Amino acid sequence: MQPGQRVLLRIVGLVTFALAIFLGWKSHWFHADHDLSRYPQIQLTYATARFERIIYARGGSAKQVALVASDGTTFVMQDGIWKSHFDGPTLALRLSVGGTAHAWVHPDSPHMLRGLMGGAVAIPPEWGLAYDQRTTHVAVWVDGIMVLLGLVLIGWPF
């Protein structure tokens, strides 16, 4: 391997390692809540709901149900919370009549719903807590792999 290639691999390793440390720091070292005490509760009055499928530029997609308040504010709930219990379009149809419900929101994103009770459909906040714990668990693994890859690229005797 050429000396220039070694330097390039070490730079890539440093960038990967630094990015992994930054992501860990930004996520509060992947803190996952163990109970619902940090989840703010709101009284949500919404006018309608719709099912959304978001297609990303690289081919990935996400599904969510969006509840739209009368003032235009949108609250969304990702499919990872409700998909094992409901079909997205059916859930949106049942919620589309509007109403008022007791809602739990994500502690860091006040427009991301984690539970909905007292409306046309009940989605317990425990489902949202379990979803957040699952995504945090995956993020820990991905970040750990990034740290290891960065360290290998920095220190590997090429």
C-alpha atoms as a PDB file:
ATOM      1  CA  MET A   1       0.000   0.000   0.000  1.00  0.00           C
ATOM      2  CA  GLN A   2       1.274   3.440  -0.927  1.00  0.00           C
ATOM      3  CA  PRO A   3       2.060   5.991   1.817  1.00  0.00           C
ATOM      4  CA  GLY A   4      -0.582   8.361   0.415  1.00  0.00           C
ATOM      5  CA  GLN A   5      -3.237   5.656   0.696  1.00  0.00           C
ATOM      6  CA  ARG A   6      -2.250   4.988   4.312  1.00  0.00           C
ATOM      7  CA  VAL A   7      -2.636   8.638   5.177  1.00  0.00           C
ATOM      8  CA  LEU A   8      -6.013   8.765   3.432  1.00  0.00           C
ATOM      9  CA  LEU A   9      -7.263   5.692   5.337  1.00  0.00           C
ATOM     10  CA  ARG A  10      -6.115   7.196   8.636  1.00  0.00           C
ATOM     11  CA  ILE A  11      -7.920  10.446   7.815  1.00  0.00           C
ATOM     12  CA  VAL A  12     -11.086   8.486   6.993  1.00  0.00           C
ATOM     13  CA  GLY A  13     -10.623   6.639  10.294  1.00  0.00           C
ATOM     14  CA  LEU A  14     -10.276   9.907  12.215  1.00  0.00           C
ATOM     15  CA  VAL A  15     -13.370  11.358  10.562  1.00  0.00           C
ATOM     16  CA  THR A  16     -15.382   8.174  11.271  1.00  0.00           C
ATOM     17  CA  PHE A  17     -14.226   8.098  14.889  1.00  0.00           C
ATOM     18  CA  ALA A  18     -14.952  11.828  15.365  1.00  0.00           C
ATOM     19  CA  LEU A  19     -18.401  11.443  13.803  1.00  0.00           C
ATOM     20  CA  ALA A  20     -19.195   8.526  16.129  1.00  0.00           C
ATOM     21  CA  ILE A  21     -18.138  10.564  19.174  1.00  0.00           C
ATOM     22  CA  PHE A  22     -20.188  13.551  17.961  1.00  0.00           C
ATOM     23  CA  LEU A  23     -23.306  11.410  17.437  1.00  0.00           C
ATOM     24  CA  GLY A  24     -22.926   9.903  20.887  1.00  0.00           C
ATOM     25  CA  TRP A  25     -22.523  13.338  22.463  1.00  0.00           C
ATOM     26  CA  LYS A  26     -25.430  14.830  20.499  1.00  0.00           C
ATOM     27  CA  SER A  27     -27.756  12.019  21.628  1.00  0.00           C
ATOM     28  CA  HIS A  28     -26.742  12.408  25.296  1.00  0.00           C
ATOM     29  CA  TRP A  29     -24.727   9.173  25.012  1.00  0.00           C
ATOM     30  CA  PHE A  30     -27.770   7.293  23.731  1.00  0.00           C
ATOM     31  CA  HIS A  31     -29.821   7.809  26.835  1.00  0.00           C
ATOM     32  CA  ALA A  32     -33.045   5.799  26.582  1.00  0.00           C
ATOM     33  CA  ASP A  33     -35.874   6.594  28.927  1.00  0.00           C
ATOM     34  CA  HIS A  34     -36.985   3.724  31.131  1.00  0.00           C
ATOM     35  CA  ASP A  35     -40.367   5.180  31.996  1.00  0.00           C
ATOM     36  CA  LEU A  36     -42.804   7.777  30.718  1.00  0.00           C
ATOM     37  CA  SER A  37     -41.947  10.463  33.281  1.00  0.00           C
ATOM     38  CA  ARG A  38     -40.015  12.624  30.779  1.00  0.00           C
ATOM     39  CA  TYR A  39     -42.676  12.442  28.073  1.00  0.00           C
ATOM     40  CA  PRO A  40     -44.690  15.673  28.106  1.00  0.00           C
ATOM     41  CA  GLN A  41     -48.451  15.214  28.039  1.00  0.00           C
ATOM     42  CA  ILE A  42     -50.712  17.550  26.089  1.00  0.00           C
ATOM     43  CA  GLN A  43     -54.384  17.874  25.325  1.00  0.00           C
ATOM     44  CA  LEU A  44     -54.427  17.644  21.538  1.00  0.00           C
ATOM     45  CA  THR A  45     -57.349  18.876  19.492  1.00  0.00           C
ATOM     46  CA  TYR A  46     -56.935  18.001  15.848  1.00  0.00           C
ATOM     47  CA  ALA A  47     -59.123  18.641  12.815  1.00  0.00           C
ATOM     48  CA  THR A  48     -58.045  15.775  10.595  1.00  0.00           C
ATOM     49  CA  ALA A  49     -55.459  13.062  10.101  1.00  0.00           C
ATOM     50  CA  ARG A  50     -53.698  11.670   7.064  1.00  0.00           C
ATOM     51  CA  PHE A  51     -51.414   8.769   6.249  1.00  0.00           C
ATOM     52  CA  GLU A  52     -48.082   9.809   4.752  1.00  0.00           C
ATOM     53  CA  ARG A  53     -45.493   7.744   2.944  1.00  0.00           C
ATOM     54  CA  ILE A  54     -42.223   9.628   2.630  1.00  0.00           C
ATOM     55  CA  ILE A  55     -39.797   8.494  -0.067  1.00  0.00           C
ATOM     56  CA  TYR A  56     -36.206   9.588   0.447  1.00  0.00           C
ATOM     57  CA  ALA A  57     -33.784  10.374  -2.377  1.00  0.00           C
ATOM     58  CA  ARG A  58     -31.744   7.213  -1.759  1.00  0.00           C
ATOM     59  CA  GLY A  59     -34.752   4.920  -2.016  1.00  0.00           C
ATOM     60  CA  GLY A  60     -35.638   4.573   1.646  1.00  0.00           C
ATOM     61  CA  SER A  61     -39.144   5.248   2.848  1.00  0.00           C
ATOM     62  CA  ALA A  62     -40.957   6.077   6.049  1.00  0.00           C
ATOM     63  CA  LYS A  63     -44.617   5.870   6.964  1.00  0.00           C
ATOM     64  CA  GLN A  64     -46.383   8.033   9.483  1.00  0.00           C
ATOM     65  CA  VAL A  65     -49.764   9.294  10.523  1.00  0.00           C
ATOM     66  CA  ALA A  66     -50.033  13.078  10.704  1.00  0.00           C
ATOM     67  CA  LEU A  67     -52.661  14.775  12.859  1.00  0.00           C
ATOM     68  CA  VAL A  68     -53.368  18.333  11.770  1.00  0.00           C
ATOM     69  CA  ALA A  69     -54.681  20.843  14.290  1.00  0.00           C
ATOM     70  CA  SER A  70     -57.099  23.575  13.219  1.00  0.00           C
ATOM     71  CA  ASP A  71     -54.281  26.157  13.343  1.00  0.00           C
ATOM     72  CA  GLY A  72     -52.242  24.074  10.856  1.00  0.00           C
ATOM     73  CA  THR A  73     -49.825  22.589  13.379  1.00  0.00           C
ATOM     74  CA  THR A  74     -48.934  19.024  12.456  1.00  0.00           C
ATOM     75  CA  PHE A  75     -48.171  16.243  14.916  1.00  0.00           C
ATOM     76  CA  VAL A  76     -46.764  13.003  13.520  1.00  0.00           C
ATOM     77  CA  MET A  77     -46.475   9.423  14.761  1.00  0.00           C
ATOM     78  CA  GLN A  78     -44.047   7.080  12.997  1.00  0.00           C
ATOM     79  CA  ASP A  79     -45.143   3.627  11.923  1.00  0.00           C
ATOM     80  CA  GLY A  80     -42.693   1.952  14.295  1.00  0.00           C
ATOM     81  CA  ILE A  81     -45.066   2.844  17.114  1.00  0.00           C
ATOM     82  CA  TRP A  82     -48.352   1.526  15.676  1.00  0.00           C
ATOM     83  CA  LYS A  83     -47.508  -0.774  12.727  1.00  0.00           C
ATOM     84  CA  SER A  84     -47.734  -4.046  14.648  1.00  0.00           C
ATOM     85  CA  HIS A  85     -51.274  -3.143  15.776  1.00  0.00           C
ATOM     86  CA  PHE A  86     -52.761  -1.033  12.960  1.00  0.00           C
ATOM     87  CA  ASP A  87     -52.698  -0.593   9.211  1.00  0.00           C
ATOM     88  CA  GLY A  88     -51.566   2.982   8.404  1.00  0.00           C
ATOM     89  CA  PRO A  89     -54.322   4.069   5.992  1.00  0.00           C
ATOM     90  CA  THR A  90     -57.005   2.503   8.211  1.00  0.00           C
ATOM     91  CA  LEU A  91     -55.618   4.220  11.306  1.00  0.00           C
ATOM     92  CA  ALA A  92     -55.535   7.579   9.515  1.00  0.00           C
ATOM     93  CA  LEU A  93     -59.104   7.063   8.280  1.00  0.00           C
ATOM     94  CA  ARG A  94     -60.362   6.356  11.807  1.00  0.00           C
ATOM     95  CA  LEU A  95     -58.560   9.452  13.120  1.00  0.00           C
ATOM     96  CA  SER A  96     -59.570  11.687  10.189  1.00  0.00           C
ATOM     97  CA  VAL A  97     -62.852  12.758  11.800  1.00  0.00           C
ATOM     98  CA  GLY A  98     -60.839  14.879  14.225  1.00  0.00           C
ATOM     99  CA  GLY A  99     -61.348  15.214  17.923  1.00  0.00           C
ATOM    100  CA  THR A 100     -59.593  15.797  21.193  1.00  0.00           C
ATOM    101  CA  ALA A 101     -57.286  13.296  22.833  1.00  0.00           C
ATOM    102  CA  HIS A 102     -54.701  13.095  25.554  1.00  0.00           C
ATOM    103  CA  ALA A 103     -51.305  12.817  23.829  1.00  0.00           C
ATOM    104  CA  TRP A 104     -47.740  12.088  24.846  1.00  0.00           C
ATOM    105  CA  VAL A 105     -44.952  13.704  22.840  1.00  0.00           C
ATOM    106  CA  HIS A 106     -41.255  12.963  22.478  1.00  0.00           C
ATOM    107  CA  PRO A 107     -39.229  14.891  25.092  1.00  0.00           C
ATOM    108  CA  ASP A 108     -36.881  16.392  22.481  1.00  0.00           C
ATOM    109  CA  SER A 109     -39.374  16.829  19.604  1.00  0.00           C
ATOM    110  CA  PRO A 110     -42.704  18.339  20.676  1.00  0.00           C
ATOM    111  CA  HIS A 111     -44.413  17.468  17.358  1.00  0.00           C
ATOM    112  CA  MET A 112     -43.553  13.755  17.491  1.00  0.00           C
ATOM    113  CA  LEU A 113     -46.375  11.824  19.141  1.00  0.00           C
ATOM    114  CA  ARG A 114     -45.603   8.806  21.297  1.00  0.00           C
ATOM    115  CA  GLY A 115     -49.103   7.962  22.512  1.00  0.00           C
ATOM    116  CA  LEU A 116     -52.744   8.966  22.029  1.00  0.00           C
ATOM    117  CA  MET A 117     -55.583   8.108  24.403  1.00  0.00           C
ATOM    118  CA  GLY A 118     -59.194   9.208  24.638  1.00  0.00           C
ATOM    119  CA  GLY A 119     -59.828   9.718  20.936  1.00  0.00           C
ATOM    120  CA  ALA A 120     -61.160   7.519  18.169  1.00  0.00           C
ATOM    121  CA  VAL A 121     -58.203   5.147  18.576  1.00  0.00           C
ATOM    122  CA  ALA A 122     -56.100   4.352  21.621  1.00  0.00           C
ATOM    123  CA  ILE A 123     -52.345   4.135  21.147  1.00  0.00           C
ATOM    124  CA  PRO A 124     -50.771   3.612  24.572  1.00  0.00           C
ATOM    125  CA  PRO A 125     -47.675   5.715  25.286  1.00  0.00           C
ATOM    126  CA  GLU A 126     -45.840   2.520  26.259  1.00  0.00           C
ATOM    127  CA  TRP A 127     -45.730   1.666  22.541  1.00  0.00           C
ATOM    128  CA  GLY A 128     -43.910   4.947  21.895  1.00  0.00           C
ATOM    129  CA  LEU A 129     -41.518   4.327  24.786  1.00  0.00           C
ATOM    130  CA  ALA A 130     -40.735   0.850  23.421  1.00  0.00           C
ATOM    131  CA  TYR A 131     -40.142   2.363  19.956  1.00  0.00           C
ATOM    132  CA  ASP A 132     -37.692   4.918  21.371  1.00  0.00           C
ATOM    133  CA  GLN A 133     -35.852   2.193  23.294  1.00  0.00           C
ATOM    134  CA  ARG A 134     -35.567   0.031  20.148  1.00  0.00           C
ATOM    135  CA  THR A 135     -34.201   2.875  18.031  1.00  0.00           C
ATOM    136  CA  THR A 136     -31.717   3.812  20.763  1.00  0.00           C
ATOM    137  CA  HIS A 137     -30.535   0.209  20.938  1.00  0.00           C
ATOM    138  CA  VAL A 138     -29.914   0.151  17.178  1.00  0.00           C
ATOM    139  CA  ALA A 139     -28.117   3.517  17.353  1.00  0.00           C
ATOM    140  CA  VAL A 140     -25.766   2.204  20.055  1.00  0.00           C
ATOM    141  CA  TRP A 141     -24.775  -0.719  17.827  1.00  0.00           C
ATOM    142  CA  VAL A 142     -24.251   1.473  14.751  1.00  0.00           C
ATOM    143  CA  ASP A 143     -22.191   3.975  16.740  1.00  0.00           C
ATOM    144  CA  GLY A 144     -20.123   1.191  18.278  1.00  0.00           C
ATOM    145  CA  ILE A 145     -19.339  -0.196  14.843  1.00  0.00           C
ATOM    146  CA  MET A 146     -18.335   3.283  13.679  1.00  0.00           C
ATOM    147  CA  VAL A 147     -15.971   3.667  16.662  1.00  0.00           C
ATOM    148  CA  LEU A 148     -14.357   0.291  15.985  1.00  0.00           C
ATOM    149  CA  LEU A 149     -14.023   0.978  12.265  1.00  0.00           C
ATOM    150  CA  GLY A 150     -12.476   4.374  12.965  1.00  0.00           C
ATOM    151  CA  LEU A 151      -9.990   2.914  15.435  1.00  0.00           C
ATOM    152  CA  VAL A 152      -9.047   0.107  13.042  1.00  0.00           C
ATOM    153  CA  LEU A 153      -8.460   2.562  10.199  1.00  0.00           C
ATOM    154  CA  ILE A 154      -6.407   4.868  12.431  1.00  0.00           C
ATOM    155  CA  GLY A 155      -4.206   2.214  13.996  1.00  0.00           C
ATOM    156  CA  TRP A 156      -4.067  -0.633  11.506  1.00  0.00           C
ATOM    157  CA  PRO A 157      -0.463  -1.353  10.469  1.00  0.00           C
ATOM    158  CA  PHE A 158      -0.902  -1.098   6.713  1.00  0.00           C
END
